[in-house]
């Protein structure tokens, strides 16, 4: 008869994933870059070479973390949100339109509150609908959230490129929001702003909610063991609905931060890949809100480093994209090393 270990076994899966990811980067660069040394140097060092690069890296990490917290809540509640792309994109458009409209009639603080509310509510609605279908009809939220996202993104593209486009500019984008309605910058001239400490505070708050409160315990149990939760009288359906709604709301907050803190407008296609990066961060964190922060940082570093290598060397775009795809595949896989089960 085997005895249970006094301490939980250390999970080496994340370390193995990152080791394989770095090996994939080196291999791809070695095979495709004309100047291998310059490509690797730019990839690993350029994002940390100045406050401009590092501040922008942290800013991107904040966007991934905000959306990743939502994706993590959905996973903890027993659901899977694949609609993050549209939730960020449409919420950003709602924020841009609201901020520009409110700037004419409201004071800056009230206008920013209105823009944030519009973004969060828009994202929450896009998350609520798949959750409601799951609860009422038993429809898979993976399918409904993905299809809703696939239908929403082209509609937003049309709105940005048509009725809501700023005709005075050549960009396919909405009108630029006033300077008074932009998030406070923390490290100019980079785009790092108050959304970064806000993401840290939200992660800490969610961790406290899940680990230190009775509703948080019910949320976790309903997501991990729904049959037991139903037997215990816990509201599994409500947890599913609130998990998907919260996921959409946090993606909406990321859309607001992107408009009010980074691009100051909603331009066509800006959110491409953000929703999937947020989901990857949530999968890497494995349900721990605090672990979303370093996961988001690593994914943001990947994106920033790829761009730096692209600009600093003659490395082809396809090679950089292949490196990113290899890392996302490895670090998102949860079956690299299965934990041993004791009988």
C-alpha atoms as a PDB file:
ATOM      1  CA  UNK A   1       0.000   0.000   0.000  1.00  0.00           C
ATOM      2  CA  UNK A   2       1.424   3.325  -1.077  1.00  0.00           C
ATOM      3  CA  UNK A   3       1.479   6.260   1.281  1.00  0.00           C
ATOM      4  CA  UNK A   4       0.546   9.760   0.229  1.00  0.00           C
ATOM      5  CA  UNK A   5       3.453  12.192  -0.041  1.00  0.00           C
ATOM      6  CA  UNK A   6       3.738  14.737   2.734  1.00  0.00           C
ATOM      7  CA  UNK A   7       4.276  17.493   0.170  1.00  0.00           C
ATOM      8  CA  UNK A   8       2.716  17.867  -3.279  1.00  0.00           C
ATOM      9  CA  UNK A   9       4.998  16.947  -6.136  1.00  0.00           C
ATOM     10  CA  UNK A  10       6.533  19.841  -8.005  1.00  0.00           C
ATOM     11  CA  UNK A  11       4.972  20.223 -11.418  1.00  0.00           C
ATOM     12  CA  UNK A  12       7.751  20.395 -14.002  1.00  0.00           C
ATOM     13  CA  UNK A  13       5.374  20.788 -16.939  1.00  0.00           C
ATOM     14  CA  UNK A  14       5.685  24.612 -17.193  1.00  0.00           C
ATOM     15  CA  UNK A  15       9.497  24.419 -17.062  1.00  0.00           C
ATOM     16  CA  UNK A  16       9.533  21.728 -19.727  1.00  0.00           C
ATOM     17  CA  UNK A  17       7.183  23.817 -21.845  1.00  0.00           C
ATOM     18  CA  UNK A  18       9.342  26.929 -21.688  1.00  0.00           C
ATOM     19  CA  UNK A  19      12.522  24.948 -22.312  1.00  0.00           C
ATOM     20  CA  UNK A  20      10.967  23.471 -25.431  1.00  0.00           C
ATOM     21  CA  UNK A  21       9.694  26.905 -26.455  1.00  0.00           C
ATOM     22  CA  UNK A  22      13.153  28.482 -26.246  1.00  0.00           C
ATOM     23  CA  UNK A  23      14.594  25.570 -28.197  1.00  0.00           C
ATOM     24  CA  UNK A  24      11.958  26.122 -30.871  1.00  0.00           C
ATOM     25  CA  UNK A  25      12.879  29.817 -31.121  1.00  0.00           C
ATOM     26  CA  UNK A  26      16.588  29.116 -31.471  1.00  0.00           C
ATOM     27  CA  UNK A  27      15.966  26.421 -34.059  1.00  0.00           C
ATOM     28  CA  UNK A  28      13.672  28.577 -36.190  1.00  0.00           C
ATOM     29  CA  UNK A  29      16.002  31.572 -36.081  1.00  0.00           C
ATOM     30  CA  UNK A  30      19.046  29.441 -36.834  1.00  0.00           C
ATOM     31  CA  UNK A  31      17.352  28.019 -39.912  1.00  0.00           C
ATOM     32  CA  UNK A  32      15.771  31.200 -41.287  1.00  0.00           C
ATOM     33  CA  UNK A  33      17.729  34.296 -40.222  1.00  0.00           C
ATOM     34  CA  UNK A  34      20.597  35.574 -42.349  1.00  0.00           C
ATOM     35  CA  UNK A  35      22.437  36.871 -39.266  1.00  0.00           C
ATOM     36  CA  UNK A  36      21.637  34.371 -36.536  1.00  0.00           C
ATOM     37  CA  UNK A  37      23.504  36.208 -33.813  1.00  0.00           C
ATOM     38  CA  UNK A  38      21.823  39.529 -34.534  1.00  0.00           C
ATOM     39  CA  UNK A  39      18.396  37.894 -34.684  1.00  0.00           C
ATOM     40  CA  UNK A  40      18.807  36.130 -31.358  1.00  0.00           C
ATOM     41  CA  UNK A  41      20.304  39.214 -29.719  1.00  0.00           C
ATOM     42  CA  UNK A  42      17.403  41.383 -30.878  1.00  0.00           C
ATOM     43  CA  UNK A  43      14.893  38.772 -29.764  1.00  0.00           C
ATOM     44  CA  UNK A  44      16.216  38.325 -26.241  1.00  0.00           C
ATOM     45  CA  UNK A  45      17.675  41.750 -25.456  1.00  0.00           C
ATOM     46  CA  UNK A  46      15.894  44.433 -27.491  1.00  0.00           C
ATOM     47  CA  UNK A  47      12.642  44.456 -25.446  1.00  0.00           C
ATOM     48  CA  UNK A  48      14.713  45.362 -22.355  1.00  0.00           C
ATOM     49  CA  UNK A  49      17.080  47.827 -24.011  1.00  0.00           C
ATOM     50  CA  UNK A  50      15.176  51.027 -23.161  1.00  0.00           C
ATOM     51  CA  UNK A  51      12.140  52.332 -21.323  1.00  0.00           C
ATOM     52  CA  UNK A  52      10.378  52.716 -24.662  1.00  0.00           C
ATOM     53  CA  UNK A  53      10.629  49.004 -25.439  1.00  0.00           C
ATOM     54  CA  UNK A  54      10.202  47.774 -21.873  1.00  0.00           C
ATOM     55  CA  UNK A  55       7.323  50.136 -21.096  1.00  0.00           C
ATOM     56  CA  UNK A  56       5.482  49.024 -24.212  1.00  0.00           C
ATOM     57  CA  UNK A  57       6.127  45.398 -23.262  1.00  0.00           C
ATOM     58  CA  UNK A  58       4.569  45.963 -19.826  1.00  0.00           C
ATOM     59  CA  UNK A  59       1.648  47.775 -21.425  1.00  0.00           C
ATOM     60  CA  UNK A  60       0.969  44.852 -23.738  1.00  0.00           C
ATOM     61  CA  UNK A  61       1.289  42.496 -20.761  1.00  0.00           C
ATOM     62  CA  UNK A  62      -1.385  44.528 -18.959  1.00  0.00           C
ATOM     63  CA  UNK A  63      -3.788  44.100 -21.889  1.00  0.00           C
ATOM     64  CA  UNK A  64      -3.130  40.357 -21.994  1.00  0.00           C
ATOM     65  CA  UNK A  65      -3.504  40.129 -18.212  1.00  0.00           C
ATOM     66  CA  UNK A  66      -6.851  41.942 -18.127  1.00  0.00           C
ATOM     67  CA  UNK A  67      -8.319  39.669 -20.763  1.00  0.00           C
ATOM     68  CA  UNK A  68      -6.488  36.641 -19.354  1.00  0.00           C
ATOM     69  CA  UNK A  69      -8.121  37.148 -15.954  1.00  0.00           C
ATOM     70  CA  UNK A  70     -11.488  36.873 -17.665  1.00  0.00           C
ATOM     71  CA  UNK A  71     -10.466  33.731 -19.526  1.00  0.00           C
ATOM     72  CA  UNK A  72      -9.153  32.291 -16.247  1.00  0.00           C
ATOM     73  CA  UNK A  73     -12.449  32.975 -14.478  1.00  0.00           C
ATOM     74  CA  UNK A  74     -14.317  31.179 -17.238  1.00  0.00           C
ATOM     75  CA  UNK A  75     -12.015  28.168 -16.930  1.00  0.00           C
ATOM     76  CA  UNK A  76     -12.338  28.151 -13.134  1.00  0.00           C
ATOM     77  CA  UNK A  77     -16.122  28.217 -13.485  1.00  0.00           C
ATOM     78  CA  UNK A  78     -16.070  25.181 -15.754  1.00  0.00           C
ATOM     79  CA  UNK A  79     -16.497  26.943 -19.099  1.00  0.00           C
ATOM     80  CA  UNK A  80     -14.318  27.775 -22.085  1.00  0.00           C
ATOM     81  CA  UNK A  81     -14.558  31.188 -23.684  1.00  0.00           C
ATOM     82  CA  UNK A  82     -13.422  31.286 -27.339  1.00  0.00           C
ATOM     83  CA  UNK A  83     -14.975  34.664 -28.085  1.00  0.00           C
ATOM     84  CA  UNK A  84     -12.239  36.860 -26.662  1.00  0.00           C
ATOM     85  CA  UNK A  85     -11.267  38.414 -29.994  1.00  0.00           C
ATOM     86  CA  UNK A  86     -14.709  39.898 -30.619  1.00  0.00           C
ATOM     87  CA  UNK A  87     -15.241  40.800 -26.971  1.00  0.00           C
ATOM     88  CA  UNK A  88     -12.114  42.967 -27.013  1.00  0.00           C
ATOM     89  CA  UNK A  89     -12.765  44.365 -30.493  1.00  0.00           C
ATOM     90  CA  UNK A  90     -16.418  45.362 -30.119  1.00  0.00           C
ATOM     91  CA  UNK A  91     -15.825  46.668 -26.598  1.00  0.00           C
ATOM     92  CA  UNK A  92     -13.004  48.862 -27.854  1.00  0.00           C
ATOM     93  CA  UNK A  93     -15.294  50.270 -30.527  1.00  0.00           C
ATOM     94  CA  UNK A  94     -18.001  50.941 -27.940  1.00  0.00           C
ATOM     95  CA  UNK A  95     -15.434  52.682 -25.736  1.00  0.00           C
ATOM     96  CA  UNK A  96     -14.116  54.861 -28.576  1.00  0.00           C
ATOM     97  CA  UNK A  97     -17.583  55.941 -29.686  1.00  0.00           C
ATOM     98  CA  UNK A  98     -18.740  56.605 -26.115  1.00  0.00           C
ATOM     99  CA  UNK A  99     -15.613  58.560 -25.163  1.00  0.00           C
ATOM    100  CA  UNK A 100     -15.854  60.795 -28.213  1.00  0.00           C
ATOM    101  CA  UNK A 101     -19.569  61.396 -27.697  1.00  0.00           C
ATOM    102  CA  UNK A 102     -19.335  61.916 -23.939  1.00  0.00           C
ATOM    103  CA  UNK A 103     -16.441  64.364 -24.269  1.00  0.00           C
ATOM    104  CA  UNK A 104     -18.861  66.912 -25.683  1.00  0.00           C
ATOM    105  CA  UNK A 105     -21.370  66.758 -22.835  1.00  0.00           C
ATOM    106  CA  UNK A 106     -19.595  65.353 -19.748  1.00  0.00           C
ATOM    107  CA  UNK A 107     -16.649  66.172 -17.561  1.00  0.00           C
ATOM    108  CA  UNK A 108     -13.533  64.031 -18.201  1.00  0.00           C
ATOM    109  CA  UNK A 109     -14.005  61.753 -15.165  1.00  0.00           C
ATOM    110  CA  UNK A 110     -17.651  61.084 -15.995  1.00  0.00           C
ATOM    111  CA  UNK A 111     -16.844  60.569 -19.684  1.00  0.00           C
ATOM    112  CA  UNK A 112     -14.138  58.033 -18.857  1.00  0.00           C
ATOM    113  CA  UNK A 113     -16.486  56.210 -16.491  1.00  0.00           C
ATOM    114  CA  UNK A 114     -19.083  56.087 -19.272  1.00  0.00           C
ATOM    115  CA  UNK A 115     -16.522  54.737 -21.737  1.00  0.00           C
ATOM    116  CA  UNK A 116     -15.377  52.056 -19.315  1.00  0.00           C
ATOM    117  CA  UNK A 117     -18.968  51.073 -18.551  1.00  0.00           C
ATOM    118  CA  UNK A 118     -19.810  50.845 -22.254  1.00  0.00           C
ATOM    119  CA  UNK A 119     -16.799  48.601 -22.909  1.00  0.00           C
ATOM    120  CA  UNK A 120     -17.350  46.332 -19.905  1.00  0.00           C
ATOM    121  CA  UNK A 121     -21.081  45.944 -20.567  1.00  0.00           C
ATOM    122  CA  UNK A 122     -20.485  45.212 -24.250  1.00  0.00           C
ATOM    123  CA  UNK A 123     -17.968  42.505 -23.442  1.00  0.00           C
ATOM    124  CA  UNK A 124     -20.183  41.124 -20.685  1.00  0.00           C
ATOM    125  CA  UNK A 125     -23.112  40.817 -23.099  1.00  0.00           C
ATOM    126  CA  UNK A 126     -21.006  38.888 -25.615  1.00  0.00           C
ATOM    127  CA  UNK A 127     -19.989  36.510 -22.826  1.00  0.00           C
ATOM    128  CA  UNK A 128     -23.460  36.302 -21.309  1.00  0.00           C
ATOM    129  CA  UNK A 129     -25.170  35.034 -24.465  1.00  0.00           C
ATOM    130  CA  UNK A 130     -23.101  31.810 -24.867  1.00  0.00           C
ATOM    131  CA  UNK A 131     -23.386  31.218 -21.120  1.00  0.00           C
ATOM    132  CA  UNK A 132     -27.158  31.593 -21.261  1.00  0.00           C
ATOM    133  CA  UNK A 133     -27.414  29.143 -24.153  1.00  0.00           C
ATOM    134  CA  UNK A 134     -25.293  26.674 -22.176  1.00  0.00           C
ATOM    135  CA  UNK A 135     -27.557  26.948 -19.126  1.00  0.00           C
ATOM    136  CA  UNK A 136     -30.925  26.948 -20.920  1.00  0.00           C
ATOM    137  CA  UNK A 137     -30.270  24.684 -23.895  1.00  0.00           C
ATOM    138  CA  UNK A 138     -27.124  22.779 -22.998  1.00  0.00           C
ATOM    139  CA  UNK A 139     -25.323  24.206 -26.049  1.00  0.00           C
ATOM    140  CA  UNK A 140     -21.551  24.077 -25.916  1.00  0.00           C
ATOM    141  CA  UNK A 141     -20.162  27.505 -25.088  1.00  0.00           C
ATOM    142  CA  UNK A 142     -17.038  26.692 -27.097  1.00  0.00           C
ATOM    143  CA  UNK A 143     -19.090  26.579 -30.269  1.00  0.00           C
ATOM    144  CA  UNK A 144     -21.445  29.469 -29.542  1.00  0.00           C
ATOM    145  CA  UNK A 145     -18.744  31.856 -28.268  1.00  0.00           C
ATOM    146  CA  UNK A 146     -16.533  31.110 -31.267  1.00  0.00           C
ATOM    147  CA  UNK A 147     -19.348  31.513 -33.791  1.00  0.00           C
ATOM    148  CA  UNK A 148     -20.534  34.725 -32.153  1.00  0.00           C
ATOM    149  CA  UNK A 149     -16.987  36.060 -32.332  1.00  0.00           C
ATOM    150  CA  UNK A 150     -16.615  35.011 -35.963  1.00  0.00           C
ATOM    151  CA  UNK A 151     -19.823  36.875 -36.843  1.00  0.00           C
ATOM    152  CA  UNK A 152     -18.997  39.964 -34.780  1.00  0.00           C
ATOM    153  CA  UNK A 153     -15.477  40.714 -36.033  1.00  0.00           C
ATOM    154  CA  UNK A 154     -16.483  41.372 -39.680  1.00  0.00           C
ATOM    155  CA  UNK A 155     -19.364  43.567 -38.498  1.00  0.00           C
ATOM    156  CA  UNK A 156     -16.960  45.665 -36.423  1.00  0.00           C
ATOM    157  CA  UNK A 157     -14.587  45.863 -39.392  1.00  0.00           C
ATOM    158  CA  UNK A 158     -17.430  47.280 -41.476  1.00  0.00           C
ATOM    159  CA  UNK A 159     -18.389  49.843 -38.848  1.00  0.00           C
ATOM    160  CA  UNK A 160     -14.819  51.058 -38.415  1.00  0.00           C
ATOM    161  CA  UNK A 161     -14.150  51.194 -42.133  1.00  0.00           C
ATOM    162  CA  UNK A 162     -17.520  52.738 -42.980  1.00  0.00           C
ATOM    163  CA  UNK A 163     -20.033  54.631 -40.828  1.00  0.00           C
ATOM    164  CA  UNK A 164     -17.720  55.247 -37.846  1.00  0.00           C
ATOM    165  CA  UNK A 165     -14.507  55.973 -39.720  1.00  0.00           C
ATOM    166  CA  UNK A 166     -12.702  59.271 -39.226  1.00  0.00           C
ATOM    167  CA  UNK A 167     -12.887  60.617 -42.778  1.00  0.00           C
ATOM    168  CA  UNK A 168     -10.219  63.253 -42.081  1.00  0.00           C
ATOM    169  CA  UNK A 169      -7.521  60.580 -41.698  1.00  0.00           C
ATOM    170  CA  UNK A 170      -6.165  57.883 -43.981  1.00  0.00           C
ATOM    171  CA  UNK A 171      -6.420  55.245 -41.284  1.00  0.00           C
ATOM    172  CA  UNK A 172      -9.289  52.789 -41.075  1.00  0.00           C
ATOM    173  CA  UNK A 173     -10.072  53.951 -37.558  1.00  0.00           C
ATOM    174  CA  UNK A 174     -12.511  55.917 -35.457  1.00  0.00           C
ATOM    175  CA  UNK A 175     -11.928  59.507 -34.441  1.00  0.00           C
ATOM    176  CA  UNK A 176      -9.074  60.029 -31.976  1.00  0.00           C
ATOM    177  CA  UNK A 177     -10.241  60.503 -28.400  1.00  0.00           C
ATOM    178  CA  UNK A 178      -9.372  63.800 -26.628  1.00  0.00           C
ATOM    179  CA  UNK A 179      -6.201  63.946 -24.528  1.00  0.00           C
ATOM    180  CA  UNK A 180      -8.230  64.611 -21.387  1.00  0.00           C
ATOM    181  CA  UNK A 181      -9.850  61.170 -21.716  1.00  0.00           C
ATOM    182  CA  UNK A 182      -6.671  59.146 -21.923  1.00  0.00           C
ATOM    183  CA  UNK A 183      -5.333  56.926 -19.148  1.00  0.00           C
ATOM    184  CA  UNK A 184      -2.518  58.331 -17.059  1.00  0.00           C
ATOM    185  CA  UNK A 185       0.880  57.488 -18.540  1.00  0.00           C
ATOM    186  CA  UNK A 186       3.454  55.994 -16.151  1.00  0.00           C
ATOM    187  CA  UNK A 187       6.621  55.878 -18.259  1.00  0.00           C
ATOM    188  CA  UNK A 188       6.519  58.262 -21.218  1.00  0.00           C
ATOM    189  CA  UNK A 189       7.265  58.130 -24.079  1.00  0.00           C
ATOM    190  CA  UNK A 190       6.148  54.492 -23.853  1.00  0.00           C
ATOM    191  CA  UNK A 191       2.464  53.588 -23.695  1.00  0.00           C
ATOM    192  CA  UNK A 192       2.679  52.121 -20.185  1.00  0.00           C
ATOM    193  CA  UNK A 193      -0.257  53.455 -18.191  1.00  0.00           C
ATOM    194  CA  UNK A 194      -2.354  52.840 -15.083  1.00  0.00           C
ATOM    195  CA  UNK A 195      -3.935  49.738 -16.612  1.00  0.00           C
ATOM    196  CA  UNK A 196      -0.785  47.853 -15.536  1.00  0.00           C
ATOM    197  CA  UNK A 197      -1.173  48.365 -11.752  1.00  0.00           C
ATOM    198  CA  UNK A 198      -4.940  47.971 -12.225  1.00  0.00           C
ATOM    199  CA  UNK A 199      -4.387  44.497 -13.678  1.00  0.00           C
ATOM    200  CA  UNK A 200      -2.213  43.569 -10.677  1.00  0.00           C
ATOM    201  CA  UNK A 201      -4.862  44.818  -8.237  1.00  0.00           C
ATOM    202  CA  UNK A 202      -7.632  42.955 -10.063  1.00  0.00           C
ATOM    203  CA  UNK A 203      -5.621  39.728 -10.047  1.00  0.00           C
ATOM    204  CA  UNK A 204      -5.099  40.040  -6.291  1.00  0.00           C
ATOM    205  CA  UNK A 205      -8.793  40.778  -5.756  1.00  0.00           C
ATOM    206  CA  UNK A 206      -9.903  37.773  -7.787  1.00  0.00           C
ATOM    207  CA  UNK A 207      -7.454  35.525  -5.927  1.00  0.00           C
ATOM    208  CA  UNK A 208      -8.855  36.686  -2.603  1.00  0.00           C
ATOM    209  CA  UNK A 209     -12.410  36.158  -3.846  1.00  0.00           C
ATOM    210  CA  UNK A 210     -11.733  32.620  -5.041  1.00  0.00           C
ATOM    211  CA  UNK A 211      -9.666  31.510  -2.058  1.00  0.00           C
ATOM    212  CA  UNK A 212     -11.063  33.439   0.897  1.00  0.00           C
ATOM    213  CA  UNK A 213     -14.811  33.781   0.368  1.00  0.00           C
ATOM    214  CA  UNK A 214     -17.743  31.380   0.416  1.00  0.00           C
ATOM    215  CA  UNK A 215     -19.031  32.443  -3.045  1.00  0.00           C
ATOM    216  CA  UNK A 216     -15.499  31.964  -4.387  1.00  0.00           C
ATOM    217  CA  UNK A 217     -15.390  28.451  -2.951  1.00  0.00           C
ATOM    218  CA  UNK A 218     -18.758  27.662  -4.531  1.00  0.00           C
ATOM    219  CA  UNK A 219     -17.476  29.058  -7.827  1.00  0.00           C
ATOM    220  CA  UNK A 220     -14.379  26.821  -7.770  1.00  0.00           C
ATOM    221  CA  UNK A 221     -16.222  23.684  -6.701  1.00  0.00           C
ATOM    222  CA  UNK A 222     -18.955  24.175  -9.291  1.00  0.00           C
ATOM    223  CA  UNK A 223     -16.356  24.505 -12.009  1.00  0.00           C
ATOM    224  CA  UNK A 224     -14.138  21.586 -10.990  1.00  0.00           C
ATOM    225  CA  UNK A 225     -16.785  19.118  -9.776  1.00  0.00           C
ATOM    226  CA  UNK A 226     -20.215  20.103 -11.134  1.00  0.00           C
ATOM    227  CA  UNK A 227     -21.915  16.817 -10.205  1.00  0.00           C
ATOM    228  CA  UNK A 228     -20.760  17.072  -6.598  1.00  0.00           C
ATOM    229  CA  UNK A 229     -21.745  20.750  -6.549  1.00  0.00           C
ATOM    230  CA  UNK A 230     -25.272  19.936  -7.726  1.00  0.00           C
ATOM    231  CA  UNK A 231     -25.534  17.219  -5.072  1.00  0.00           C
ATOM    232  CA  UNK A 232     -24.417  19.792  -2.472  1.00  0.00           C
ATOM    233  CA  UNK A 233     -27.010  22.288  -3.672  1.00  0.00           C
ATOM    234  CA  UNK A 234     -24.580  24.770  -5.204  1.00  0.00           C
ATOM    235  CA  UNK A 235     -25.845  26.958  -8.095  1.00  0.00           C
ATOM    236  CA  UNK A 236     -23.883  25.395 -10.955  1.00  0.00           C
ATOM    237  CA  UNK A 237     -25.977  27.096 -13.637  1.00  0.00           C
ATOM    238  CA  UNK A 238     -25.441  30.517 -12.089  1.00  0.00           C
ATOM    239  CA  UNK A 239     -21.689  29.884 -11.883  1.00  0.00           C
ATOM    240  CA  UNK A 240     -21.590  29.011 -15.592  1.00  0.00           C
ATOM    241  CA  UNK A 241     -23.513  32.148 -16.455  1.00  0.00           C
ATOM    242  CA  UNK A 242     -21.486  34.436 -14.220  1.00  0.00           C
ATOM    243  CA  UNK A 243     -18.196  32.890 -15.318  1.00  0.00           C
ATOM    244  CA  UNK A 244     -18.864  33.561 -18.990  1.00  0.00           C
ATOM    245  CA  UNK A 245     -20.244  37.029 -18.248  1.00  0.00           C
ATOM    246  CA  UNK A 246     -17.214  37.942 -16.145  1.00  0.00           C
ATOM    247  CA  UNK A 247     -14.918  36.646 -18.884  1.00  0.00           C
ATOM    248  CA  UNK A 248     -16.561  38.974 -21.380  1.00  0.00           C
ATOM    249  CA  UNK A 249     -16.450  41.891 -18.939  1.00  0.00           C
ATOM    250  CA  UNK A 250     -12.702  41.555 -18.402  1.00  0.00           C
ATOM    251  CA  UNK A 251     -12.116  41.305 -22.137  1.00  0.00           C
ATOM    252  CA  UNK A 252     -14.183  44.478 -22.412  1.00  0.00           C
ATOM    253  CA  UNK A 253     -11.930  46.171 -19.866  1.00  0.00           C
ATOM    254  CA  UNK A 254      -8.949  45.201 -21.997  1.00  0.00           C
ATOM    255  CA  UNK A 255     -10.655  46.796 -25.004  1.00  0.00           C
ATOM    256  CA  UNK A 256     -11.179  50.008 -23.049  1.00  0.00           C
ATOM    257  CA  UNK A 257      -7.529  50.057 -21.928  1.00  0.00           C
ATOM    258  CA  UNK A 258      -6.396  49.520 -25.517  1.00  0.00           C
ATOM    259  CA  UNK A 259      -8.363  52.557 -26.695  1.00  0.00           C
ATOM    260  CA  UNK A 260      -7.885  54.890 -23.731  1.00  0.00           C
ATOM    261  CA  UNK A 261      -4.299  53.957 -22.937  1.00  0.00           C
ATOM    262  CA  UNK A 262      -2.541  52.730 -26.059  1.00  0.00           C
ATOM    263  CA  UNK A 263      -3.967  53.602 -29.474  1.00  0.00           C
ATOM    264  CA  UNK A 264      -6.398  56.399 -28.489  1.00  0.00           C
ATOM    265  CA  UNK A 265      -8.740  55.222 -31.244  1.00  0.00           C
ATOM    266  CA  UNK A 266     -10.210  51.940 -32.408  1.00  0.00           C
ATOM    267  CA  UNK A 267      -8.509  50.951 -35.639  1.00  0.00           C
ATOM    268  CA  UNK A 268      -9.423  48.056 -37.827  1.00  0.00           C
ATOM    269  CA  UNK A 269      -7.953  44.695 -36.831  1.00  0.00           C
ATOM    270  CA  UNK A 270      -6.029  45.884 -33.766  1.00  0.00           C
ATOM    271  CA  UNK A 271      -7.248  43.006 -31.569  1.00  0.00           C
ATOM    272  CA  UNK A 272      -6.086  40.220 -33.888  1.00  0.00           C
ATOM    273  CA  UNK A 273      -4.474  37.585 -31.673  1.00  0.00           C
ATOM    274  CA  UNK A 274      -5.145  39.340 -28.357  1.00  0.00           C
ATOM    275  CA  UNK A 275      -8.003  37.077 -27.367  1.00  0.00           C
ATOM    276  CA  UNK A 276      -6.002  33.947 -28.124  1.00  0.00           C
ATOM    277  CA  UNK A 277      -2.988  35.279 -26.222  1.00  0.00           C
ATOM    278  CA  UNK A 278      -5.243  35.949 -23.222  1.00  0.00           C
ATOM    279  CA  UNK A 279      -6.581  32.397 -23.420  1.00  0.00           C
ATOM    280  CA  UNK A 280      -3.030  31.051 -23.622  1.00  0.00           C
ATOM    281  CA  UNK A 281      -2.124  33.039 -20.495  1.00  0.00           C
ATOM    282  CA  UNK A 282      -5.130  31.596 -18.666  1.00  0.00           C
ATOM    283  CA  UNK A 283      -4.217  28.050 -19.700  1.00  0.00           C
ATOM    284  CA  UNK A 284      -0.647  28.567 -18.554  1.00  0.00           C
ATOM    285  CA  UNK A 285      -1.880  29.913 -15.210  1.00  0.00           C
ATOM    286  CA  UNK A 286      -4.107  26.855 -14.666  1.00  0.00           C
ATOM    287  CA  UNK A 287      -6.818  28.704 -12.786  1.00  0.00           C
ATOM    288  CA  UNK A 288      -4.535  30.826 -10.593  1.00  0.00           C
ATOM    289  CA  UNK A 289      -5.313  34.543 -11.141  1.00  0.00           C
ATOM    290  CA  UNK A 290      -1.941  35.627  -9.789  1.00  0.00           C
ATOM    291  CA  UNK A 291      -0.164  33.310 -12.224  1.00  0.00           C
ATOM    292  CA  UNK A 292      -1.920  35.066 -15.105  1.00  0.00           C
ATOM    293  CA  UNK A 293       0.391  38.057 -14.563  1.00  0.00           C
ATOM    294  CA  UNK A 294       3.731  36.320 -15.303  1.00  0.00           C
ATOM    295  CA  UNK A 295       2.092  34.300 -18.084  1.00  0.00           C
ATOM    296  CA  UNK A 296       0.841  37.491 -19.705  1.00  0.00           C
ATOM    297  CA  UNK A 297       4.293  39.048 -19.325  1.00  0.00           C
ATOM    298  CA  UNK A 298       5.956  36.113 -21.083  1.00  0.00           C
ATOM    299  CA  UNK A 299       3.462  36.199 -23.941  1.00  0.00           C
ATOM    300  CA  UNK A 300       3.893  39.960 -24.273  1.00  0.00           C
ATOM    301  CA  UNK A 301       7.658  39.481 -24.322  1.00  0.00           C
ATOM    302  CA  UNK A 302       7.207  36.912 -27.088  1.00  0.00           C
ATOM    303  CA  UNK A 303       5.206  39.382 -29.165  1.00  0.00           C
ATOM    304  CA  UNK A 304       7.551  42.304 -28.496  1.00  0.00           C
ATOM    305  CA  UNK A 305      10.686  40.251 -29.086  1.00  0.00           C
ATOM    306  CA  UNK A 306       9.362  38.913 -32.382  1.00  0.00           C
ATOM    307  CA  UNK A 307       8.676  42.454 -33.540  1.00  0.00           C
ATOM    308  CA  UNK A 308      12.134  43.601 -32.427  1.00  0.00           C
ATOM    309  CA  UNK A 309      13.828  40.743 -34.278  1.00  0.00           C
ATOM    310  CA  UNK A 310      11.765  41.543 -37.338  1.00  0.00           C
ATOM    311  CA  UNK A 311      12.857  45.189 -37.353  1.00  0.00           C
ATOM    312  CA  UNK A 312      16.499  44.616 -36.418  1.00  0.00           C
ATOM    313  CA  UNK A 313      17.351  41.808 -38.831  1.00  0.00           C
ATOM    314  CA  UNK A 314      16.362  40.425 -42.190  1.00  0.00           C
ATOM    315  CA  UNK A 315      14.377  37.661 -40.525  1.00  0.00           C
ATOM    316  CA  UNK A 316      11.292  36.807 -42.541  1.00  0.00           C
ATOM    317  CA  UNK A 317       7.881  37.443 -41.055  1.00  0.00           C
ATOM    318  CA  UNK A 318       6.797  33.842 -41.572  1.00  0.00           C
ATOM    319  CA  UNK A 319       9.704  32.599 -39.468  1.00  0.00           C
ATOM    320  CA  UNK A 320       8.795  34.888 -36.559  1.00  0.00           C
ATOM    321  CA  UNK A 321       5.151  33.826 -36.771  1.00  0.00           C
ATOM    322  CA  UNK A 322       6.223  30.193 -36.798  1.00  0.00           C
ATOM    323  CA  UNK A 323       8.265  30.758 -33.655  1.00  0.00           C
ATOM    324  CA  UNK A 324       5.261  32.291 -31.921  1.00  0.00           C
ATOM    325  CA  UNK A 325       3.014  29.438 -33.014  1.00  0.00           C
ATOM    326  CA  UNK A 326       5.484  26.883 -31.657  1.00  0.00           C
ATOM    327  CA  UNK A 327       5.575  28.580 -28.258  1.00  0.00           C
ATOM    328  CA  UNK A 328       1.807  28.925 -27.988  1.00  0.00           C
ATOM    329  CA  UNK A 329       1.413  25.262 -28.871  1.00  0.00           C
ATOM    330  CA  UNK A 330       3.890  24.074 -26.256  1.00  0.00           C
ATOM    331  CA  UNK A 331       2.995  26.285 -23.318  1.00  0.00           C
ATOM    332  CA  UNK A 332      -0.747  25.884 -23.838  1.00  0.00           C
ATOM    333  CA  UNK A 333      -0.605  22.091 -23.797  1.00  0.00           C
ATOM    334  CA  UNK A 334      -1.615  20.716 -20.407  1.00  0.00           C
ATOM    335  CA  UNK A 335      -0.634  17.132 -21.178  1.00  0.00           C
ATOM    336  CA  UNK A 336       3.149  17.546 -21.537  1.00  0.00           C
ATOM    337  CA  UNK A 337       3.571  15.795 -18.252  1.00  0.00           C
ATOM    338  CA  UNK A 338       0.602  14.237 -16.485  1.00  0.00           C
ATOM    339  CA  UNK A 339       0.709  14.240 -12.748  1.00  0.00           C
ATOM    340  CA  UNK A 340       0.974  10.812 -11.208  1.00  0.00           C
ATOM    341  CA  UNK A 341      -2.140   9.618  -9.448  1.00  0.00           C
ATOM    342  CA  UNK A 342      -1.958   7.733  -6.201  1.00  0.00           C
ATOM    343  CA  UNK A 343      -4.376   4.792  -5.808  1.00  0.00           C
END
